[in-house]
């Protein structure tokens, strides 16, 4: 339990926004979740918020059960389903989040597979 800062987020990415409580005005004013982000939309959002000095308090997940990779969920599909992401694409989305959080407005980021 504590407050997130930009430095912490840049070294550790695995914070969840599910169960998040946020003021609608802050959510809208700082650009909401970016549609072009396929994988790291929550991570990029947290980076953007901390970069703009919005306080983010984390709390342990007490009182609810968070289930990662439920069959049929978006992240399950990225790992196991028809929409699997390559390691290269996963790295692209993490790296993109670390660059794009500086911009509040959507910049239409797209992954282009590298030819080998």
N, C-alpha and C. Protein backbone atom coordinates (compact mmCIF):
# COMPACT_ATOMS: atom_id res chain seq x y z
N UNK A 1 0.85 -1.17 0.00
CA UNK A 1 0.00 0.00 0.00
C UNK A 1 0.90 1.23 0.00
N UNK A 2 0.56 2.19 -0.84
CA UNK A 2 1.33 3.41 -0.91
C UNK A 2 1.00 4.17 -2.18
N UNK A 3 1.84 5.12 -2.50
CA UNK A 3 1.63 5.95 -3.68
C UNK A 3 2.59 5.54 -4.79
N UNK A 4 2.06 5.51 -6.01
CA UNK A 4 2.90 5.22 -7.16
C UNK A 4 3.55 6.51 -7.64
N UNK A 5 4.75 6.38 -8.14
CA UNK A 5 5.38 7.52 -8.80
C UNK A 5 5.93 7.04 -10.14
N UNK A 6 6.30 8.01 -10.96
CA UNK A 6 6.75 7.71 -12.31
C UNK A 6 7.98 6.83 -12.31
N UNK A 7 8.91 7.10 -11.41
CA UNK A 7 10.15 6.32 -11.35
C UNK A 7 9.88 4.85 -11.06
N UNK A 8 8.98 4.59 -10.12
CA UNK A 8 8.62 3.21 -9.80
C UNK A 8 8.00 2.52 -11.00
N UNK A 9 7.09 3.21 -11.67
CA UNK A 9 6.42 2.62 -12.83
C UNK A 9 7.39 2.33 -13.97
N UNK A 10 8.39 3.16 -14.14
CA UNK A 10 9.35 2.92 -15.22
C UNK A 10 10.24 1.72 -14.95
N UNK A 11 10.34 1.29 -13.69
CA UNK A 11 11.15 0.12 -13.37
C UNK A 11 10.31 -1.15 -13.17
N UNK A 12 9.02 -0.99 -12.89
CA UNK A 12 8.13 -2.14 -12.68
C UNK A 12 6.77 -1.84 -13.30
N UNK A 13 6.37 -2.65 -14.27
CA UNK A 13 5.16 -2.35 -15.04
C UNK A 13 3.88 -3.01 -14.57
N UNK A 14 3.95 -3.99 -13.73
CA UNK A 14 2.79 -4.85 -13.52
C UNK A 14 1.84 -4.35 -12.42
N UNK A 15 1.33 -3.15 -12.59
CA UNK A 15 0.26 -2.64 -11.73
C UNK A 15 -1.04 -2.72 -12.52
N UNK A 16 -2.10 -3.11 -11.86
CA UNK A 16 -3.40 -3.29 -12.52
C UNK A 16 -4.29 -2.08 -12.29
N UNK A 17 -5.09 -1.74 -13.30
CA UNK A 17 -6.07 -0.67 -13.13
C UNK A 17 -7.47 -1.22 -12.91
N UNK A 18 -7.60 -2.53 -12.97
CA UNK A 18 -8.92 -3.11 -12.69
C UNK A 18 -9.26 -2.83 -11.23
N UNK A 19 -10.48 -2.43 -10.99
CA UNK A 19 -10.88 -2.06 -9.64
C UNK A 19 -10.51 -0.63 -9.30
N UNK A 20 -10.01 0.10 -10.29
CA UNK A 20 -9.56 1.48 -10.07
C UNK A 20 -10.75 2.39 -9.75
N UNK A 21 -10.52 3.31 -8.85
CA UNK A 21 -11.48 4.38 -8.55
C UNK A 21 -10.78 5.67 -8.92
N UNK A 22 -11.42 6.48 -9.79
CA UNK A 22 -10.79 7.70 -10.26
C UNK A 22 -11.85 8.77 -10.48
N UNK A 23 -11.48 10.02 -10.25
CA UNK A 23 -12.38 11.13 -10.55
C UNK A 23 -12.55 11.20 -12.07
N UNK A 24 -13.79 11.30 -12.51
CA UNK A 24 -14.06 11.35 -13.95
C UNK A 24 -13.33 12.53 -14.60
N UNK A 25 -13.29 13.67 -13.92
CA UNK A 25 -12.64 14.85 -14.48
C UNK A 25 -11.16 14.58 -14.73
N UNK A 26 -10.47 13.94 -13.80
CA UNK A 26 -9.05 13.61 -13.99
C UNK A 26 -8.88 12.64 -15.15
N UNK A 27 -9.76 11.65 -15.21
CA UNK A 27 -9.70 10.64 -16.27
C UNK A 27 -9.82 11.31 -17.63
N UNK A 28 -10.78 12.21 -17.78
CA UNK A 28 -11.02 12.90 -19.05
C UNK A 28 -9.92 13.92 -19.33
N UNK A 29 -9.58 14.73 -18.33
CA UNK A 29 -8.58 15.80 -18.52
C UNK A 29 -7.22 15.27 -18.95
N UNK A 30 -6.87 14.08 -18.51
CA UNK A 30 -5.57 13.52 -18.84
C UNK A 30 -5.63 12.47 -19.93
N UNK A 31 -6.68 12.49 -20.73
CA UNK A 31 -6.70 11.72 -21.97
C UNK A 31 -7.30 10.33 -21.93
N UNK A 32 -7.83 9.90 -20.80
CA UNK A 32 -8.46 8.57 -20.68
C UNK A 32 -7.49 7.47 -21.13
N UNK A 33 -8.02 6.30 -21.46
CA UNK A 33 -7.19 5.22 -21.99
C UNK A 33 -7.07 5.43 -23.49
N UNK A 34 -5.90 5.24 -24.02
CA UNK A 34 -5.66 5.47 -25.44
C UNK A 34 -6.10 4.25 -26.25
N UNK A 35 -6.96 4.48 -27.22
CA UNK A 35 -7.52 3.40 -28.04
C UNK A 35 -6.47 2.63 -28.83
N UNK A 36 -5.40 3.31 -29.25
CA UNK A 36 -4.42 2.64 -30.11
C UNK A 36 -3.56 1.64 -29.34
N UNK A 37 -3.57 1.70 -28.01
CA UNK A 37 -2.74 0.79 -27.23
C UNK A 37 -3.43 -0.56 -27.08
N UNK A 38 -2.83 -1.56 -27.66
CA UNK A 38 -3.43 -2.89 -27.67
C UNK A 38 -3.18 -3.63 -26.36
N UNK A 39 -2.00 -3.51 -25.79
CA UNK A 39 -1.64 -4.33 -24.63
C UNK A 39 -1.43 -3.52 -23.35
N UNK A 40 -0.69 -2.45 -23.41
CA UNK A 40 -0.24 -1.75 -22.20
C UNK A 40 -1.02 -0.46 -21.93
N UNK A 41 -2.29 -0.45 -22.25
CA UNK A 41 -3.11 0.76 -22.08
C UNK A 41 -3.19 1.21 -20.63
N UNK A 42 -3.29 0.29 -19.70
CA UNK A 42 -3.34 0.64 -18.28
C UNK A 42 -2.02 1.17 -17.78
N UNK A 43 -0.95 0.53 -18.21
CA UNK A 43 0.40 0.95 -17.81
C UNK A 43 0.71 2.35 -18.35
N UNK A 44 0.40 2.60 -19.62
CA UNK A 44 0.64 3.91 -20.21
C UNK A 44 -0.17 4.97 -19.49
N UNK A 45 -1.41 4.64 -19.13
CA UNK A 45 -2.28 5.58 -18.42
C UNK A 45 -1.69 5.94 -17.05
N UNK A 46 -1.22 4.95 -16.31
CA UNK A 46 -0.62 5.22 -15.00
C UNK A 46 0.65 6.08 -15.14
N UNK A 47 1.47 5.79 -16.15
CA UNK A 47 2.65 6.61 -16.39
C UNK A 47 2.26 8.05 -16.69
N UNK A 48 1.24 8.23 -17.51
CA UNK A 48 0.79 9.57 -17.88
C UNK A 48 0.27 10.33 -16.68
N UNK A 49 -0.49 9.64 -15.84
CA UNK A 49 -1.05 10.29 -14.66
C UNK A 49 0.06 10.71 -13.69
N UNK A 50 1.01 9.82 -13.42
CA UNK A 50 2.08 10.18 -12.49
C UNK A 50 2.98 11.26 -13.08
N UNK A 51 3.17 11.24 -14.39
CA UNK A 51 3.97 12.28 -15.04
C UNK A 51 3.31 13.65 -14.91
N UNK A 52 2.00 13.67 -14.76
CA UNK A 52 1.25 14.92 -14.60
C UNK A 52 0.91 15.19 -13.14
N UNK A 53 1.67 14.57 -12.25
CA UNK A 53 1.55 14.81 -10.80
C UNK A 53 0.19 14.47 -10.21
N UNK A 54 -0.49 13.51 -10.80
CA UNK A 54 -1.73 13.01 -10.21
C UNK A 54 -1.34 11.96 -9.18
N UNK A 55 -1.87 12.07 -7.97
CA UNK A 55 -1.56 11.09 -6.93
C UNK A 55 -2.31 9.79 -7.20
N UNK A 56 -1.57 8.71 -7.17
CA UNK A 56 -2.16 7.38 -7.37
C UNK A 56 -1.79 6.55 -6.15
N UNK A 57 -2.81 6.14 -5.44
CA UNK A 57 -2.60 5.31 -4.25
C UNK A 57 -2.94 3.87 -4.60
N UNK A 58 -2.06 2.98 -4.25
CA UNK A 58 -2.32 1.57 -4.45
C UNK A 58 -2.76 0.96 -3.13
N UNK A 59 -3.63 -0.01 -3.24
CA UNK A 59 -4.06 -0.74 -2.05
C UNK A 59 -4.02 -2.23 -2.38
N UNK A 60 -3.77 -3.04 -1.37
CA UNK A 60 -3.78 -4.49 -1.61
C UNK A 60 -5.17 -4.93 -2.06
N UNK A 61 -5.22 -5.97 -2.85
CA UNK A 61 -6.52 -6.44 -3.33
C UNK A 61 -7.22 -7.25 -2.24
N UNK A 62 -7.87 -6.52 -1.37
CA UNK A 62 -8.61 -7.14 -0.27
C UNK A 62 -10.09 -6.97 -0.58
N UNK A 63 -10.85 -8.00 -0.44
CA UNK A 63 -12.29 -7.89 -0.60
C UNK A 63 -12.81 -8.24 -1.97
N UNK A 64 -11.92 -8.56 -2.89
CA UNK A 64 -12.37 -9.02 -4.20
C UNK A 64 -11.35 -9.99 -4.75
N UNK A 65 -11.78 -10.75 -5.71
CA UNK A 65 -10.89 -11.73 -6.33
C UNK A 65 -10.59 -11.27 -7.76
N UNK A 66 -9.35 -10.98 -8.03
CA UNK A 66 -8.93 -10.58 -9.36
C UNK A 66 -8.39 -11.81 -10.07
N UNK A 67 -8.93 -12.09 -11.22
CA UNK A 67 -8.50 -13.27 -11.96
C UNK A 67 -7.84 -12.85 -13.26
N UNK A 68 -6.56 -13.14 -13.37
CA UNK A 68 -5.85 -12.88 -14.62
C UNK A 68 -6.01 -14.07 -15.55
N UNK A 69 -6.03 -13.78 -16.82
CA UNK A 69 -6.04 -14.79 -17.87
C UNK A 69 -7.25 -15.74 -17.81
N UNK A 70 -8.43 -15.18 -17.51
CA UNK A 70 -9.64 -16.00 -17.62
C UNK A 70 -9.83 -16.40 -19.07
N UNK A 71 -10.17 -17.64 -19.34
CA UNK A 71 -10.36 -18.10 -20.71
C UNK A 71 -11.35 -17.18 -21.43
N UNK A 72 -10.96 -16.73 -22.61
CA UNK A 72 -11.80 -15.84 -23.40
C UNK A 72 -11.57 -14.36 -23.12
N UNK A 73 -10.82 -14.02 -22.07
CA UNK A 73 -10.56 -12.61 -21.78
C UNK A 73 -9.56 -12.05 -22.78
N UNK A 74 -9.45 -10.73 -22.82
CA UNK A 74 -8.54 -10.08 -23.78
C UNK A 74 -7.10 -10.56 -23.59
N UNK A 75 -6.63 -10.64 -22.35
CA UNK A 75 -5.24 -11.03 -22.13
C UNK A 75 -5.02 -12.53 -22.36
N UNK A 76 -6.05 -13.33 -22.08
CA UNK A 76 -5.96 -14.76 -22.41
C UNK A 76 -5.82 -14.92 -23.92
N UNK A 77 -6.61 -14.15 -24.65
CA UNK A 77 -6.56 -14.20 -26.10
C UNK A 77 -5.20 -13.76 -26.64
N UNK A 78 -4.59 -12.76 -26.01
CA UNK A 78 -3.27 -12.31 -26.43
C UNK A 78 -2.20 -13.37 -26.18
N UNK A 79 -2.44 -14.22 -25.18
CA UNK A 79 -1.44 -15.24 -24.85
C UNK A 79 -1.75 -16.59 -25.49
N UNK A 80 -3.04 -16.95 -25.59
CA UNK A 80 -3.40 -18.31 -26.01
C UNK A 80 -4.33 -18.39 -27.22
N UNK A 81 -5.03 -17.33 -27.51
CA UNK A 81 -6.10 -17.40 -28.51
C UNK A 81 -5.67 -17.04 -29.91
N UNK A 82 -6.65 -16.63 -30.69
CA UNK A 82 -6.43 -16.28 -32.09
C UNK A 82 -5.65 -14.97 -32.25
N UNK A 83 -5.63 -14.15 -31.23
CA UNK A 83 -4.94 -12.85 -31.29
C UNK A 83 -3.62 -12.86 -30.53
N UNK A 84 -2.89 -13.98 -30.58
CA UNK A 84 -1.62 -14.09 -29.85
C UNK A 84 -0.65 -12.99 -30.24
N UNK A 85 0.06 -12.50 -29.23
CA UNK A 85 1.08 -11.48 -29.46
C UNK A 85 2.45 -12.14 -29.40
N UNK A 86 3.30 -11.76 -30.32
CA UNK A 86 4.68 -12.26 -30.30
C UNK A 86 5.44 -11.53 -29.19
N UNK A 87 6.58 -12.09 -28.81
CA UNK A 87 7.43 -11.42 -27.82
C UNK A 87 7.84 -10.05 -28.32
N UNK A 88 8.08 -9.94 -29.63
CA UNK A 88 8.45 -8.66 -30.22
C UNK A 88 7.33 -7.63 -30.07
N UNK A 89 6.09 -8.06 -30.28
CA UNK A 89 4.98 -7.13 -30.14
C UNK A 89 4.76 -6.73 -28.68
N UNK A 90 4.89 -7.66 -27.76
CA UNK A 90 4.78 -7.34 -26.33
C UNK A 90 5.82 -6.28 -25.96
N UNK A 91 7.06 -6.49 -26.39
CA UNK A 91 8.12 -5.52 -26.12
C UNK A 91 7.78 -4.16 -26.75
N UNK A 92 7.25 -4.17 -27.97
CA UNK A 92 6.86 -2.92 -28.63
C UNK A 92 5.86 -2.13 -27.79
N UNK A 93 4.84 -2.81 -27.25
CA UNK A 93 3.81 -2.12 -26.48
C UNK A 93 4.35 -1.60 -25.15
N UNK A 94 5.24 -2.33 -24.52
CA UNK A 94 5.86 -1.84 -23.28
C UNK A 94 6.72 -0.63 -23.58
N UNK A 95 7.56 -0.73 -24.61
CA UNK A 95 8.42 0.40 -24.99
C UNK A 95 7.59 1.61 -25.42
N UNK A 96 6.50 1.37 -26.14
CA UNK A 96 5.64 2.47 -26.58
C UNK A 96 5.00 3.18 -25.40
N UNK A 97 4.58 2.45 -24.39
CA UNK A 97 4.01 3.06 -23.20
C UNK A 97 5.02 3.98 -22.53
N UNK A 98 6.29 3.55 -22.52
CA UNK A 98 7.34 4.35 -21.89
C UNK A 98 7.71 5.59 -22.69
N UNK A 99 7.24 5.68 -23.93
CA UNK A 99 7.47 6.88 -24.75
C UNK A 99 6.21 7.75 -24.83
N UNK A 100 5.07 7.12 -25.00
CA UNK A 100 3.84 7.84 -25.31
C UNK A 100 3.15 8.46 -24.10
N UNK A 101 3.54 8.09 -22.90
CA UNK A 101 2.90 8.67 -21.72
C UNK A 101 3.16 10.18 -21.62
N UNK A 102 4.15 10.65 -22.34
CA UNK A 102 4.46 12.08 -22.35
C UNK A 102 3.40 12.89 -23.09
N UNK A 103 2.56 12.22 -23.86
CA UNK A 103 1.55 12.89 -24.68
C UNK A 103 0.15 12.56 -24.16
N UNK A 104 -0.61 13.58 -23.83
CA UNK A 104 -1.97 13.36 -23.35
C UNK A 104 -2.87 12.94 -24.51
N UNK A 105 -2.67 13.53 -25.66
CA UNK A 105 -3.51 13.22 -26.82
C UNK A 105 -3.04 11.95 -27.50
N UNK A 106 -4.01 11.20 -27.98
CA UNK A 106 -3.78 9.97 -28.75
C UNK A 106 -2.93 10.27 -29.98
N UNK A 107 -1.93 9.41 -30.23
CA UNK A 107 -1.07 9.61 -31.41
C UNK A 107 -1.14 8.44 -32.37
N UNK A 108 -2.15 7.58 -32.23
CA UNK A 108 -2.41 6.48 -33.17
C UNK A 108 -1.17 5.61 -33.40
N UNK A 109 -0.73 4.96 -32.35
CA UNK A 109 0.43 4.07 -32.41
C UNK A 109 0.02 2.73 -33.02
N UNK A 110 0.84 2.22 -33.91
CA UNK A 110 0.56 0.92 -34.54
C UNK A 110 1.82 0.06 -34.51
N UNK A 111 1.59 -1.21 -34.25
CA UNK A 111 2.70 -2.18 -34.29
C UNK A 111 2.86 -2.68 -35.71
N UNK A 112 4.09 -2.66 -36.20
CA UNK A 112 4.42 -3.21 -37.50
C UNK A 112 5.42 -4.35 -37.27
N UNK A 113 5.03 -5.59 -37.60
CA UNK A 113 5.96 -6.71 -37.39
C UNK A 113 7.28 -6.49 -38.14
N UNK A 114 8.36 -6.86 -37.48
CA UNK A 114 9.68 -6.75 -38.09
C UNK A 114 9.90 -7.95 -39.02
N UNK A 115 10.35 -7.66 -40.22
CA UNK A 115 10.65 -8.75 -41.14
C UNK A 115 12.02 -9.31 -40.80
N UNK A 116 12.13 -10.63 -40.86
CA UNK A 116 13.37 -11.27 -40.51
C UNK A 116 14.04 -11.85 -41.72
